[in-house]
Amino acid sequence: MTMKLLAFALLLILAGIGLWHSFKPLPTGIRHQGEPVPLVAPKLLTDVTHHTDDGSTVLEHQIFDEIFRLIAQAEKFILVDMFLFNGTKPENTELRPLAEQLTQALLERKATRPDIDIVVISDPLNTFYGGTRSSEFEALSSAGIEVVITRLEPLRDSNPAWSSLWRLCCQWLGNNPDGGWLPNALGDEPATIRSYLALPNFKANHRKLLVTDDGQGYRAVITSANPHDGSSQHSNIGLAFGGPAVIDVVRSEQAALKMSGASTATLDHWISKMPADDQAGNDASGIMKVLTESAIRDAALDMIDRSQPGEALDMAMFYLSHRPIIKALSAAHQRGVSIRLLLDANKDAFGHEKNGIPNRPVAHELQQAGIPVRWCLTEGEQCHSKLLIYTPRDDQQELLLGSANFTRRNLDDLNLETNVWLATQASSAVAQQATTLFNQYWQAGPNHDQAMSLPYSAWAEPSRLRYWQYRIMEATGLSTF
């Protein structure tokens, strides 16, 4: 009887921990929704990977070239927040060393401008949750650059079935980067048991952004791309911009620092230096908002719900699994909105084969509802963009892009995410480039070697077992998406 009471008490404790950490108040500053501000000097950045019949791969990649350019010309301030910042990659592959290149760009700028303020924020996955060392972070810190590893514990738990147990038994153990002895699934250094115990919490600082000074003003880049060697051939999207929205980006990053117990003094200082009307005036080409966490979800649902018969929604997404988004797309289709879905087939992950969840079961559900679906043509890399285009009938266009996949973990205040929403004339350079890019992917092309996507039938997945597997994984958080 005593053992039964103890077991019952333990279950009650675990349930209480799970409930509290699933619904507790968010840390201050999480779920940031910037005010609409002028869209100043926008530049759409794209990484596009082409595959041809002769087996060759052509990379048309712009994002990190622009990031490195902005770092090289910065004089006073650089802020970097990047999710994957490491050199891991599949064995026996030649890929662009993005982690080393970003590290060297920052080190060279610090050496050239010793007084420049540089803050680097990243996710603890890069040190396997404290169980390994990051050569990149150690080099940056040694040069006097402020490096902050995000503390994720204050966030709500996305996988409470595991996290409640982990919080009770294991989070107090800390970790030791010199104590590893297990094979490392994420790198070359030996890993600790404590790293593997932390891994199934499945939460992250998933943001990907840069802010620098730029002559008399400031520039920001919000993107889906990581400085990660194994991700260097992925297709991605980003937006560079100036103006008052840059202040919102820095303000949103204050929350990550506060949550991690780090000083916000450097960001506070530079926010005070940024004029609210920086570069705005007559240069504005539309309006934009900086959004984080569930504010991204609300913007996506608003765009979909406002769409009317005769209007269009185009979505390119690495992971699509969020039930309210899926239901909103189905409802929009039923009322006569033209919808096109371009999805990654979820078949590749850094040299490993994936089972197609969640996109293939979701695609089957939406294709059965009448929504056309195509798959990005990939050969080992990922179609990693996160983009929603809304084209109303009033010569306007709205874009939503950034780090957030359309999943429960990315949109429901469980990860840290940053996106931008913008509205501009359909004839603007940014709108036309986004539309042209999507159309290039969507069209099969007159010859196979010009195709950038495959028909739905190429990766159709009608299995009800896979569908309910996805639904359970999405609902419980027992997933990596």
Protein backbone atom coordinates (compact mmCIF):
# COMPACT_ATOMS: atom_id res chain seq x y z
CA MET A 1 0.00 0.00 0.00
CA THR A 2 2.86 2.36 0.85
CA MET A 3 4.46 1.79 -2.57
CA LYS A 4 1.14 2.45 -4.29
CA LEU A 5 0.73 5.71 -2.40
CA LEU A 6 4.27 6.74 -3.26
CA ALA A 7 3.70 5.89 -6.92
CA PHE A 8 0.43 7.84 -6.92
CA ALA A 9 2.10 10.80 -5.24
CA LEU A 10 4.92 10.73 -7.80
CA LEU A 11 2.40 10.70 -10.66
CA LEU A 12 0.59 13.67 -9.12
CA ILE A 13 3.87 15.55 -8.79
CA LEU A 14 4.84 14.81 -12.41
CA ALA A 15 1.37 15.82 -13.64
CA GLY A 16 1.57 19.05 -11.67
CA ILE A 17 5.02 19.85 -13.03
CA GLY A 18 3.88 19.05 -16.56
CA LEU A 19 0.75 21.22 -16.32
CA TRP A 20 2.56 24.17 -14.76
CA HIS A 21 5.38 24.20 -17.29
CA SER A 22 2.94 23.79 -20.18
CA PHE A 23 0.81 26.79 -19.23
CA LYS A 24 3.00 28.99 -17.00
CA PRO A 25 3.36 32.72 -17.79
CA LEU A 26 5.75 33.50 -20.62
CA PRO A 27 9.05 35.24 -19.86
CA THR A 28 8.94 39.02 -20.25
CA GLY A 29 9.17 40.14 -23.86
CA ILE A 30 8.31 36.79 -25.43
CA ARG A 31 5.63 36.99 -28.13
CA HIS A 32 6.73 40.38 -29.42
CA GLN A 33 4.47 42.10 -31.93
CA GLY A 34 5.98 45.23 -33.37
CA GLU A 35 3.86 48.14 -34.47
CA PRO A 36 3.39 48.68 -38.22
CA VAL A 37 6.29 50.86 -39.36
CA PRO A 38 7.59 52.01 -42.74
CA LEU A 39 9.21 49.34 -44.89
CA VAL A 40 12.60 50.89 -45.67
CA ALA A 41 15.08 49.69 -48.29
CA PRO A 42 13.86 46.08 -48.33
CA LYS A 43 15.91 43.44 -50.12
CA LEU A 44 14.61 39.90 -50.53
CA LEU A 45 17.41 37.37 -50.12
CA THR A 46 17.11 33.86 -51.50
CA ASP A 47 19.16 30.67 -51.41
CA VAL A 48 18.09 28.46 -54.30
CA THR A 49 19.59 25.05 -55.04
CA HIS A 50 19.06 23.64 -58.56
CA HIS A 51 19.54 20.03 -59.67
CA THR A 52 19.92 19.09 -63.33
CA ASP A 53 19.67 15.88 -65.36
CA ASP A 54 23.43 15.58 -65.66
CA GLY A 55 23.72 15.25 -61.88
CA SER A 56 25.18 18.67 -61.25
CA THR A 57 24.05 21.00 -58.48
CA VAL A 58 23.91 24.77 -58.97
CA LEU A 59 23.78 27.04 -55.94
CA GLU A 60 22.32 30.53 -56.25
CA HIS A 61 22.79 31.61 -52.64
CA GLN A 62 22.59 35.21 -51.43
CA ILE A 63 21.80 35.18 -47.71
CA PHE A 64 25.16 34.70 -46.05
CA ASP A 65 26.96 36.70 -48.71
CA GLU A 66 24.81 39.65 -47.63
CA ILE A 67 25.32 38.85 -43.93
CA PHE A 68 29.10 38.79 -44.39
CA ARG A 69 28.97 42.06 -46.36
CA LEU A 70 27.04 43.79 -43.58
CA ILE A 71 29.45 42.50 -40.92
CA ALA A 72 32.48 43.66 -42.93
CA GLN A 73 31.21 47.26 -43.13
CA ALA A 74 29.90 47.58 -39.54
CA GLU A 75 31.66 50.22 -37.45
CA LYS A 76 29.88 50.25 -34.09
CA PHE A 77 27.44 47.39 -33.47
CA ILE A 78 26.73 43.80 -34.54
CA LEU A 79 24.04 41.55 -33.11
CA VAL A 80 23.77 37.91 -34.20
CA ASP A 81 21.16 35.39 -33.06
CA MET A 82 21.46 32.07 -34.87
CA PHE A 83 20.00 28.66 -34.02
CA LEU A 84 22.49 26.22 -35.61
CA PHE A 85 25.99 27.69 -35.44
CA ASN A 86 28.44 24.82 -35.85
CA GLY A 87 30.49 22.97 -38.41
CA THR A 88 28.86 19.53 -38.26
CA LYS A 89 28.03 17.88 -41.58
CA PRO A 90 27.61 14.41 -43.06
CA GLU A 91 30.84 12.48 -43.46
CA ASN A 92 32.75 12.65 -46.74
CA THR A 93 30.90 15.72 -48.00
CA GLU A 94 32.29 19.01 -49.28
CA LEU A 95 30.02 21.80 -48.06
CA ARG A 96 30.43 25.51 -47.52
CA PRO A 97 32.00 26.06 -44.06
CA LEU A 98 29.44 28.63 -42.95
CA ALA A 99 30.17 28.34 -39.22
CA GLU A 100 33.88 29.00 -39.74
CA GLN A 101 33.15 31.82 -42.19
CA LEU A 102 30.78 33.59 -39.80
CA THR A 103 33.22 33.15 -36.92
CA GLN A 104 36.09 34.57 -38.98
CA ALA A 105 33.97 37.48 -40.23
CA LEU A 106 33.17 38.47 -36.65
CA LEU A 107 36.74 37.98 -35.43
CA GLU A 108 38.17 40.04 -38.30
CA ARG A 109 35.73 42.87 -37.65
CA LYS A 110 36.57 42.87 -33.94
CA ALA A 111 40.27 42.92 -34.74
CA THR A 112 39.81 45.79 -37.20
CA ARG A 113 37.45 47.75 -34.91
CA PRO A 114 38.38 46.82 -31.33
CA ASP A 115 35.74 49.16 -29.88
CA ILE A 116 32.86 47.64 -31.83
CA ASP A 117 30.12 46.03 -29.72
CA ILE A 118 29.36 42.47 -30.89
CA VAL A 119 26.76 40.26 -29.23
CA VAL A 120 26.24 36.66 -30.35
CA ILE A 121 23.23 34.69 -29.09
CA SER A 122 22.68 31.04 -29.92
CA ASP A 123 21.00 27.81 -28.91
CA PRO A 124 22.49 25.31 -26.41
CA LEU A 125 22.18 22.54 -29.02
CA ASN A 126 25.51 23.84 -30.39
CA THR A 127 27.21 22.66 -27.17
CA PHE A 128 24.90 19.63 -26.86
CA TYR A 129 23.27 21.33 -23.89
CA GLY A 130 26.57 21.99 -22.14
CA GLY A 131 28.08 18.57 -22.71
CA THR A 132 30.60 19.58 -25.41
CA ARG A 133 32.64 22.63 -26.33
CA SER A 134 32.05 24.94 -29.28
CA SER A 135 35.29 25.97 -30.96
CA GLU A 136 33.39 28.82 -32.61
CA PHE A 137 32.01 30.21 -29.36
CA GLU A 138 35.32 29.83 -27.54
CA ALA A 139 37.16 31.72 -30.30
CA LEU A 140 34.60 34.53 -30.22
CA SER A 141 34.68 34.79 -26.42
CA SER A 142 38.49 34.84 -26.39
CA ALA A 143 38.40 37.84 -28.74
CA GLY A 144 36.19 39.83 -26.37
CA ILE A 145 32.93 39.15 -28.17
CA GLU A 146 29.91 38.63 -25.92
CA VAL A 147 28.50 35.12 -26.45
CA VAL A 148 25.20 34.15 -24.79
CA ILE A 149 23.90 30.59 -24.81
CA THR A 150 20.14 30.83 -24.48
CA ARG A 151 18.67 29.43 -21.29
CA LEU A 152 15.61 27.49 -22.44
CA GLU A 153 14.20 26.36 -19.08
CA PRO A 154 11.98 29.47 -18.63
CA LEU A 155 10.10 28.60 -21.83
CA ARG A 156 6.98 26.46 -21.70
CA ASP A 157 7.56 22.76 -22.25
CA SER A 158 6.68 21.40 -25.68
CA ASN A 159 7.13 17.76 -24.63
CA PRO A 160 5.75 17.64 -21.06
CA ALA A 161 5.64 13.83 -21.00
CA TRP A 162 9.44 13.89 -20.84
CA SER A 163 10.18 17.39 -19.54
CA SER A 164 8.22 16.94 -16.29
CA LEU A 165 10.42 13.96 -15.42
CA TRP A 166 13.58 15.75 -16.56
CA ARG A 167 12.77 18.82 -14.46
CA LEU A 168 12.24 16.62 -11.40
CA CYS A 169 15.27 14.40 -11.72
CA CYS A 170 17.84 15.77 -14.07
CA GLN A 171 17.93 19.50 -14.73
CA TRP A 172 19.74 20.05 -11.42
CA LEU A 173 22.69 17.93 -12.54
CA GLY A 174 24.18 20.57 -14.83
CA ASN A 175 26.64 19.28 -17.43
CA ASN A 176 30.37 18.96 -18.05
CA PRO A 177 31.90 19.66 -21.47
CA ASP A 178 34.94 17.58 -20.50
CA GLY A 179 33.02 14.60 -19.11
CA GLY A 180 31.73 13.01 -22.32
CA TRP A 181 32.22 9.33 -23.07
CA LEU A 182 29.26 8.41 -25.28
CA PRO A 183 29.12 8.58 -29.08
CA ASN A 184 27.85 12.00 -30.16
CA ALA A 185 24.85 11.95 -32.51
CA LEU A 186 25.30 15.69 -33.19
CA GLY A 187 29.06 16.03 -33.61
CA ASP A 188 32.51 14.58 -33.13
CA GLU A 189 33.22 15.16 -29.43
CA PRO A 190 32.17 12.49 -26.90
CA ALA A 191 28.82 13.32 -25.29
CA THR A 192 27.48 12.96 -21.77
CA ILE A 193 24.39 11.14 -20.53
CA ARG A 194 23.14 14.52 -19.31
CA SER A 195 23.20 15.88 -22.87
CA TYR A 196 21.04 13.01 -24.08
CA LEU A 197 18.67 13.53 -21.15
CA ALA A 198 18.25 17.20 -22.12
CA LEU A 199 17.74 16.51 -25.84
CA PRO A 200 14.12 15.16 -25.69
CA ASN A 201 12.86 18.45 -24.24
CA PHE A 202 12.66 19.45 -27.93
CA LYS A 203 12.73 23.21 -27.51
CA ALA A 204 15.03 25.80 -29.01
CA ASN A 205 16.02 29.35 -29.65
CA HIS A 206 15.20 28.89 -33.32
CA ARG A 207 15.75 32.52 -34.37
CA LYS A 208 18.04 33.46 -37.26
CA LEU A 209 18.89 37.16 -37.55
CA LEU A 210 21.54 39.84 -37.84
CA VAL A 211 21.61 43.55 -36.95
CA THR A 212 24.48 45.92 -37.81
CA ASP A 213 25.06 49.62 -38.14
CA ASP A 214 25.14 50.68 -41.78
CA GLY A 215 26.69 54.06 -42.41
CA GLN A 216 24.37 56.57 -40.74
CA GLY A 217 21.63 53.99 -40.07
CA TYR A 218 21.11 50.34 -39.21
CA ARG A 219 20.24 47.19 -41.13
CA ALA A 220 18.69 43.91 -40.10
CA VAL A 221 18.37 40.51 -41.77
CA ILE A 222 15.63 38.07 -40.77
CA THR A 223 16.04 34.67 -42.39
CA SER A 224 15.39 30.93 -42.30
CA ALA A 225 19.08 30.13 -42.93
CA ASN A 226 21.58 28.83 -40.35
CA PRO A 227 25.38 29.26 -40.26
CA HIS A 228 25.68 25.48 -40.18
CA ASP A 229 27.90 23.56 -42.59
CA GLY A 230 25.43 20.68 -42.93
CA SER A 231 22.70 23.17 -43.88
CA SER A 232 24.74 25.14 -46.40
CA GLN A 233 23.01 23.73 -49.50
CA HIS A 234 19.47 24.21 -48.17
CA SER A 235 17.09 26.51 -50.00
CA ASN A 236 16.17 29.45 -47.76
CA ILE A 237 14.69 32.93 -47.74
CA GLY A 238 15.39 36.17 -45.89
CA LEU A 239 14.69 39.88 -45.85
CA ALA A 240 17.19 42.68 -45.29
CA PHE A 241 15.77 46.07 -44.30
CA GLY A 242 16.46 49.35 -42.55
CA GLY A 243 14.33 51.89 -40.77
CA PRO A 244 12.51 51.78 -37.42
CA ALA A 245 11.74 48.05 -37.67
CA VAL A 246 15.40 47.40 -36.81
CA ILE A 247 14.72 48.77 -33.32
CA ASP A 248 11.95 46.19 -32.89
CA VAL A 249 14.38 43.40 -33.79
CA VAL A 250 16.81 44.53 -31.10
CA ARG A 251 14.02 44.96 -28.55
CA SER A 252 12.81 41.44 -29.21
CA GLU A 253 16.34 40.17 -28.59
CA GLN A 254 16.39 41.79 -25.17
CA ALA A 255 13.87 39.13 -24.12
CA ALA A 256 16.25 36.31 -25.05
CA LEU A 257 19.02 37.91 -22.99
CA LYS A 258 16.79 38.55 -19.97
CA MET A 259 15.43 35.02 -20.11
CA SER A 260 18.99 33.71 -20.13
CA GLY A 261 20.11 35.81 -17.17
CA ALA A 262 22.47 37.85 -19.36
CA SER A 263 23.02 41.59 -19.33
CA THR A 264 21.02 43.70 -21.77
CA ALA A 265 23.29 46.74 -21.31
CA THR A 266 24.77 46.63 -24.81
CA LEU A 267 21.39 46.30 -26.51
CA ASP A 268 19.90 48.96 -24.24
CA HIS A 269 22.67 51.34 -25.26
CA TRP A 270 22.20 50.82 -28.98
CA ILE A 271 18.42 51.03 -28.82
CA SER A 272 18.88 54.47 -27.27
CA LYS A 273 21.09 55.43 -30.23
CA MET A 274 18.62 54.30 -32.92
CA PRO A 275 16.29 57.09 -34.07
CA ALA A 276 12.68 55.90 -34.37
CA ASP A 277 12.40 57.49 -37.81
CA ASP A 278 15.74 56.14 -39.01
CA GLN A 279 15.81 56.21 -42.84
CA ALA A 280 12.01 56.29 -43.05
CA GLY A 281 10.55 59.44 -44.58
CA ASN A 282 9.95 59.25 -48.31
CA ASP A 283 11.99 56.07 -48.74
CA ALA A 284 9.27 53.78 -47.40
CA SER A 285 7.92 51.27 -49.93
CA GLY A 286 5.20 49.79 -47.72
CA ILE A 287 4.73 48.78 -44.10
CA MET A 288 6.16 45.97 -42.01
CA LYS A 289 6.06 44.42 -38.55
CA VAL A 290 8.56 42.35 -36.59
CA LEU A 291 6.87 39.33 -35.01
CA THR A 292 8.05 36.64 -32.63
CA GLU A 293 6.57 33.39 -31.32
CA SER A 294 2.75 33.17 -31.39
CA ALA A 295 2.45 36.64 -32.92
CA ILE A 296 3.68 34.89 -36.10
CA ARG A 297 0.81 32.40 -35.85
CA ASP A 298 -1.71 35.20 -35.41
CA ALA A 299 -0.39 37.02 -38.48
CA ALA A 300 -0.50 33.85 -40.60
CA LEU A 301 -4.07 33.06 -39.55
CA ASP A 302 -5.09 36.66 -40.18
CA MET A 303 -3.70 36.56 -43.72
CA ILE A 304 -5.43 33.27 -44.47
CA ASP A 305 -8.74 34.22 -42.83
CA ARG A 306 -8.89 37.57 -44.66
CA SER A 307 -8.41 35.99 -48.08
CA GLN A 308 -11.46 36.15 -50.32
CA PRO A 309 -12.69 34.40 -53.48
CA GLY A 310 -10.51 35.33 -56.44
CA GLU A 311 -7.50 36.10 -54.24
CA ALA A 312 -4.40 33.93 -53.83
CA LEU A 313 -2.32 32.32 -51.09
CA ASP A 314 1.04 30.73 -51.87
CA MET A 315 2.96 28.87 -49.15
CA ALA A 316 6.48 27.41 -49.23
CA MET A 317 7.17 25.56 -45.98
CA PHE A 318 9.74 23.16 -44.58
CA TYR A 319 7.36 21.84 -41.89
CA LEU A 320 3.56 22.26 -42.02
CA SER A 321 1.63 20.60 -39.19
CA HIS A 322 -0.20 23.28 -37.17
CA ARG A 323 -3.86 22.26 -36.96
CA PRO A 324 -5.42 25.78 -36.91
CA ILE A 325 -3.33 26.72 -39.98
CA ILE A 326 -4.40 23.56 -41.81
CA LYS A 327 -8.07 24.15 -40.98
CA ALA A 328 -7.80 27.79 -42.09
CA LEU A 329 -6.28 26.75 -45.43
CA SER A 330 -9.10 24.25 -46.01
CA ALA A 331 -11.72 26.89 -45.19
CA ALA A 332 -10.06 29.42 -47.51
CA HIS A 333 -10.06 26.89 -50.34
CA GLN A 334 -13.75 26.13 -49.76
CA ARG A 335 -14.66 29.81 -50.11
CA GLY A 336 -12.83 30.12 -53.42
CA VAL A 337 -9.32 31.31 -52.59
CA SER A 338 -6.61 30.08 -54.97
CA ILE A 339 -4.02 28.20 -52.89
CA ARG A 340 -0.72 26.59 -53.82
CA LEU A 341 1.38 24.62 -51.32
CA LEU A 342 5.07 23.99 -51.98
CA LEU A 343 6.47 21.63 -49.35
CA ASP A 344 9.64 19.80 -48.48
CA ALA A 345 9.06 16.04 -48.68
CA ASN A 346 10.75 15.59 -45.26
CA LYS A 347 12.95 12.85 -46.65
CA ASP A 348 16.46 14.10 -45.82
CA ALA A 349 18.18 15.32 -42.65
CA PHE A 350 21.96 15.77 -42.77
CA GLY A 351 22.75 12.44 -44.39
CA HIS A 352 19.91 10.51 -42.73
CA GLU A 353 16.65 9.42 -44.31
CA LYS A 354 13.41 10.73 -42.76
CA ASN A 355 9.95 9.18 -42.88
CA GLY A 356 8.05 12.10 -44.42
CA ILE A 357 6.29 13.22 -41.22
CA PRO A 358 4.64 15.68 -40.93
CA ASN A 359 4.46 17.07 -44.46
CA ARG A 360 3.42 13.98 -46.39
CA PRO A 361 0.38 13.11 -44.21
CA VAL A 362 -0.58 16.80 -44.10
CA ALA A 363 -0.20 17.12 -47.86
CA HIS A 364 -2.48 14.11 -48.35
CA GLU A 365 -5.13 15.70 -46.12
CA LEU A 366 -5.01 19.02 -47.98
CA GLN A 367 -4.73 17.46 -51.43
CA GLN A 368 -7.82 15.41 -50.67
CA ALA A 369 -9.54 18.67 -49.76
CA GLY A 370 -8.73 19.98 -53.25
CA ILE A 371 -5.66 22.12 -52.54
CA PRO A 372 -2.83 21.61 -55.06
CA VAL A 373 0.49 20.48 -53.58
CA ARG A 374 3.95 20.16 -55.09
CA TRP A 375 7.22 18.96 -53.56
CA CYS A 376 10.52 20.79 -53.82
CA LEU A 377 13.01 18.82 -55.89
CA THR A 378 15.82 18.09 -53.43
CA GLU A 379 18.79 15.74 -53.48
CA GLY A 380 19.98 15.45 -49.90
CA GLU A 381 19.45 19.09 -48.92
CA GLN A 382 16.22 20.58 -47.57
CA CYS A 383 13.69 23.02 -48.96
CA HIS A 384 14.04 25.06 -45.78
CA SER A 385 12.16 28.29 -46.57
CA LYS A 386 9.22 29.47 -44.48
CA LEU A 387 7.15 31.81 -46.66
CA LEU A 388 3.50 32.80 -46.97
CA ILE A 389 2.39 35.13 -49.79
CA TYR A 390 -1.08 36.71 -49.79
CA THR A 391 -2.13 38.47 -53.01
CA PRO A 392 -5.42 40.39 -52.61
CA ARG A 393 -7.29 42.02 -55.48
CA ASP A 394 -6.16 45.59 -54.73
CA ASP A 395 -2.67 45.55 -56.30
CA GLN A 396 -1.13 44.82 -52.91
CA GLN A 397 0.88 41.88 -51.65
CA GLU A 398 1.64 40.66 -48.14
CA LEU A 399 4.59 38.46 -47.20
CA LEU A 400 5.31 36.57 -43.98
CA LEU A 401 8.77 35.02 -43.72
CA GLY A 402 11.50 34.17 -41.24
CA SER A 403 12.55 31.36 -38.93
CA ALA A 404 9.18 29.82 -38.00
CA ASN A 405 7.89 26.60 -39.47
CA PHE A 406 4.11 26.32 -39.27
CA THR A 407 4.07 23.78 -36.42
CA ARG A 408 2.78 23.79 -32.86
CA ARG A 409 6.32 24.04 -31.49
CA ASN A 410 7.22 26.99 -33.71
CA LEU A 411 3.97 28.96 -33.44
CA ASP A 412 2.56 28.34 -29.95
CA ASP A 413 5.15 30.07 -27.74
CA LEU A 414 7.32 26.97 -27.25
CA ASN A 415 10.37 27.95 -29.33
CA LEU A 416 11.90 31.38 -29.81
CA GLU A 417 11.17 32.49 -33.39
CA THR A 418 11.44 35.72 -35.42
CA ASN A 419 9.54 36.58 -38.61
CA VAL A 420 8.66 39.72 -40.52
CA TRP A 421 5.31 40.62 -42.05
CA LEU A 422 5.24 43.20 -44.79
CA ALA A 423 2.67 44.74 -47.11
CA THR A 424 3.74 46.45 -50.31
CA GLN A 425 2.64 47.12 -53.87
CA ALA A 426 2.41 43.98 -56.00
CA SER A 427 4.59 45.81 -58.51
CA SER A 428 7.41 46.41 -55.99
CA ALA A 429 10.73 44.65 -56.43
CA VAL A 430 10.30 42.56 -53.27
CA ALA A 431 6.79 41.39 -54.19
CA GLN A 432 7.74 40.58 -57.77
CA GLN A 433 10.84 38.68 -56.67
CA ALA A 434 8.82 36.61 -54.18
CA THR A 435 6.16 35.81 -56.77
CA THR A 436 8.72 34.97 -59.45
CA LEU A 437 10.59 32.69 -57.05
CA PHE A 438 7.45 30.79 -56.11
CA ASN A 439 6.37 30.47 -59.75
CA GLN A 440 9.80 29.13 -60.71
CA TYR A 441 9.47 26.42 -58.11
CA TRP A 442 5.87 25.65 -59.02
CA GLN A 443 6.25 25.29 -62.77
CA ALA A 444 7.60 21.98 -63.99
CA GLY A 445 9.41 23.67 -66.85
CA PRO A 446 9.59 22.57 -70.51
CA ASN A 447 12.54 20.29 -69.78
CA HIS A 448 13.17 18.09 -66.75
CA ASP A 449 16.48 19.80 -66.00
CA GLN A 450 14.57 23.06 -65.48
CA ALA A 451 12.13 21.57 -62.96
CA MET A 452 12.42 22.74 -59.37
CA SER A 453 9.51 20.76 -57.96
CA LEU A 454 7.73 17.43 -58.31
CA PRO A 455 4.00 16.63 -58.52
CA TYR A 456 2.13 15.50 -55.42
CA SER A 457 2.14 11.90 -56.67
CA ALA A 458 5.95 11.72 -56.33
CA TRP A 459 5.72 11.56 -52.52
CA ALA A 460 2.05 10.83 -51.91
CA GLU A 461 1.41 9.31 -48.49
CA PRO A 462 -2.19 8.07 -48.01
CA SER A 463 -1.39 5.92 -44.97
CA ARG A 464 -3.82 6.45 -42.10
CA LEU A 465 -1.21 5.05 -39.72
CA ARG A 466 1.26 7.77 -40.74
CA TYR A 467 -1.49 10.39 -40.47
CA TRP A 468 -2.37 9.48 -36.89
CA GLN A 469 1.30 9.13 -36.04
CA TYR A 470 1.76 12.76 -37.12
CA ARG A 471 -1.36 13.88 -35.21
CA ILE A 472 -0.17 12.26 -31.97
CA MET A 473 3.35 13.63 -32.36
CA GLU A 474 2.04 17.13 -33.03
CA ALA A 475 -0.38 17.06 -30.10
CA THR A 476 1.99 15.59 -27.50
CA GLY A 477 5.27 17.20 -28.51
CA LEU A 478 6.94 13.81 -28.94
CA SER A 479 8.57 14.98 -32.14
CA THR A 480 11.43 17.04 -33.52
CA PHE A 481 9.18 19.23 -35.69
